[in-house]
């Protein structure tokens, strides 16, 4: 139930973000106002990136070996823990990367972490969508030039 509630809260926050991103924005440049709107593709890219990041992070941690039951023997997480322990004279330092990942793997992401991760994921989603859109425009122009000759 706790996981379900967290996912619902995360999805609610991302739906609010998508709504915010869909609003027109006025920006002033050299004393002229122009209307900046975001395309549907950009909004979808933000939503997919944000929700995808929040869902993928715990899965990725589990694959690496940071699980709810602790660090999986023989995993990359175990190798990281061993290296950190050797570097610190036999123990893993509190607050280190390994300790933080172990904590997140065991307890899950906090709501604040999910929000931050979601915003970064949204930024990546928007960047990927914009890059794909620019690439498609470039390909279409090349195709049109080739076929109009």
Protein backbone atom coordinates (compact mmCIF):
# COMPACT_ATOMS: atom_id res chain seq x y z
CA UNK A 1 0.00 0.00 0.00
CA UNK A 2 2.84 2.42 0.84
CA UNK A 3 4.46 1.90 -2.56
CA UNK A 4 1.12 2.41 -4.29
CA UNK A 5 0.50 5.66 -2.42
CA UNK A 6 3.99 6.93 -3.30
CA UNK A 7 3.45 6.13 -6.97
CA UNK A 8 0.09 7.90 -6.91
CA UNK A 9 1.67 10.96 -5.27
CA UNK A 10 4.48 10.92 -7.85
CA UNK A 11 2.04 10.62 -10.74
CA UNK A 12 -0.07 13.43 -9.28
CA UNK A 13 3.00 15.67 -9.03
CA UNK A 14 3.98 14.86 -12.61
CA UNK A 15 0.46 15.52 -13.90
CA UNK A 16 0.69 18.96 -12.20
CA UNK A 17 4.09 19.48 -13.86
CA UNK A 18 2.68 18.53 -17.27
CA UNK A 19 -0.21 20.95 -16.74
CA UNK A 20 2.24 23.71 -15.76
CA UNK A 21 4.41 23.03 -18.81
CA UNK A 22 1.39 23.23 -21.12
CA UNK A 23 0.56 26.80 -20.05
CA UNK A 24 1.69 29.56 -22.42
CA UNK A 25 4.58 31.65 -21.16
CA UNK A 26 5.34 35.22 -22.08
CA UNK A 27 8.94 36.18 -22.28
CA UNK A 28 10.40 39.59 -22.96
CA UNK A 29 13.29 40.00 -25.34
CA UNK A 30 14.52 43.45 -26.37
CA UNK A 31 11.25 45.06 -25.19
CA UNK A 32 9.16 42.78 -27.41
CA UNK A 33 6.79 40.19 -26.06
CA UNK A 34 6.45 36.85 -27.74
CA UNK A 35 4.33 33.87 -26.81
CA UNK A 36 6.27 30.68 -26.10
CA UNK A 37 4.26 27.46 -26.15
CA UNK A 38 5.41 23.93 -25.64
CA UNK A 39 4.51 21.25 -28.14
CA UNK A 40 2.57 18.17 -27.13
CA UNK A 41 5.71 16.14 -27.86
CA UNK A 42 7.69 18.22 -25.38
CA UNK A 43 5.07 17.73 -22.69
CA UNK A 44 4.92 14.00 -23.36
CA UNK A 45 8.74 13.84 -23.30
CA UNK A 46 8.77 15.58 -19.92
CA UNK A 47 6.13 13.24 -18.49
CA UNK A 48 7.78 10.08 -19.79
CA UNK A 49 11.22 11.22 -18.65
CA UNK A 50 10.02 12.18 -15.17
CA UNK A 51 7.87 9.14 -14.47
CA UNK A 52 10.40 6.86 -16.15
CA UNK A 53 13.22 8.12 -13.95
CA UNK A 54 11.21 7.59 -10.75
CA UNK A 55 10.22 4.07 -11.80
CA UNK A 56 13.62 3.10 -13.24
CA UNK A 57 15.80 4.21 -10.30
CA UNK A 58 14.75 1.47 -7.83
CA UNK A 59 14.85 -1.13 -10.60
CA UNK A 60 18.37 -0.05 -11.58
CA UNK A 61 19.51 -0.16 -7.94
CA UNK A 62 18.11 -3.68 -7.60
CA UNK A 63 19.88 -4.82 -10.76
CA UNK A 64 23.19 -3.42 -9.48
CA UNK A 65 22.68 -5.24 -6.17
CA UNK A 66 21.24 -2.70 -3.74
CA UNK A 67 18.04 -4.52 -2.66
CA UNK A 68 15.55 -4.38 0.17
CA UNK A 69 17.23 -7.44 1.71
CA UNK A 70 20.66 -5.78 1.63
CA UNK A 71 23.55 -5.94 -0.78
CA UNK A 72 23.50 -8.97 -3.08
CA UNK A 73 26.61 -11.17 -2.84
CA UNK A 74 28.82 -11.11 -5.94
CA UNK A 75 27.09 -8.04 -7.39
CA UNK A 76 28.51 -4.70 -8.46
CA UNK A 77 27.14 -3.31 -5.18
CA UNK A 78 29.20 -5.89 -3.24
CA UNK A 79 32.33 -4.89 -5.18
CA UNK A 80 31.64 -1.22 -4.46
CA UNK A 81 31.16 -1.96 -0.77
CA UNK A 82 34.38 -3.97 -0.65
CA UNK A 83 36.35 -1.18 -2.32
CA UNK A 84 34.83 1.45 0.00
CA UNK A 85 35.62 -0.67 3.06
CA UNK A 86 39.23 -1.21 1.98
CA UNK A 87 39.65 2.51 1.25
CA UNK A 88 38.28 3.43 4.69
CA UNK A 89 40.29 0.93 6.68
CA UNK A 90 37.64 -1.75 7.08
CA UNK A 91 34.31 0.06 7.23
CA UNK A 92 32.00 1.94 4.91
CA UNK A 93 31.84 5.63 5.81
CA UNK A 94 28.42 6.99 6.76
CA UNK A 95 27.10 9.29 4.04
CA UNK A 96 29.29 7.78 1.34
CA UNK A 97 27.90 6.83 -2.05
CA UNK A 98 27.76 3.14 -1.11
CA UNK A 99 26.01 3.87 2.21
CA UNK A 100 23.49 6.15 0.51
CA UNK A 101 22.73 3.65 -2.26
CA UNK A 102 22.41 0.86 0.30
CA UNK A 103 19.93 2.97 2.27
CA UNK A 104 17.90 3.80 -0.83
CA UNK A 105 17.96 0.15 -1.94
CA UNK A 106 16.70 -0.99 1.46
CA UNK A 107 14.17 1.76 2.26
CA UNK A 108 13.33 3.15 -1.17
CA UNK A 109 13.38 6.73 -2.37
CA UNK A 110 11.88 9.48 -0.23
CA UNK A 111 9.16 11.67 -1.71
CA UNK A 112 11.62 14.56 -1.97
CA UNK A 113 14.10 12.35 -3.82
CA UNK A 114 11.35 11.22 -6.19
CA UNK A 115 10.41 14.83 -6.93
CA UNK A 116 14.02 15.83 -7.61
CA UNK A 117 14.65 12.71 -9.70
CA UNK A 118 11.41 13.35 -11.56
CA UNK A 119 12.39 16.89 -12.47
CA UNK A 120 15.81 15.76 -13.71
CA UNK A 121 14.14 12.94 -15.64
CA UNK A 122 11.71 15.44 -17.14
CA UNK A 123 14.61 17.63 -18.28
CA UNK A 124 16.27 14.63 -19.93
CA UNK A 125 12.95 13.63 -21.54
CA UNK A 126 12.47 17.12 -22.96
CA UNK A 127 16.06 17.20 -24.25
CA UNK A 128 15.70 13.84 -25.98
CA UNK A 129 12.37 14.86 -27.52
CA UNK A 130 13.74 18.18 -28.77
CA UNK A 131 16.82 16.46 -30.23
CA UNK A 132 14.65 13.85 -31.96
CA UNK A 133 12.40 16.59 -33.33
CA UNK A 134 15.40 18.52 -34.70
CA UNK A 135 16.81 15.35 -36.25
CA UNK A 136 13.50 14.55 -37.94
CA UNK A 137 13.28 18.09 -39.35
CA UNK A 138 16.80 17.74 -40.72
CA UNK A 139 16.01 14.38 -42.32
CA UNK A 140 12.77 15.74 -43.82
CA UNK A 141 14.62 18.71 -45.36
CA UNK A 142 17.27 16.41 -46.85
CA UNK A 143 14.55 14.09 -48.17
CA UNK A 144 12.58 16.97 -49.69
CA UNK A 145 15.71 18.40 -51.36
CA UNK A 146 16.62 15.01 -52.76
CA UNK A 147 13.14 14.34 -54.15
CA UNK A 148 12.64 17.86 -55.57
CA UNK A 149 15.75 17.73 -57.76
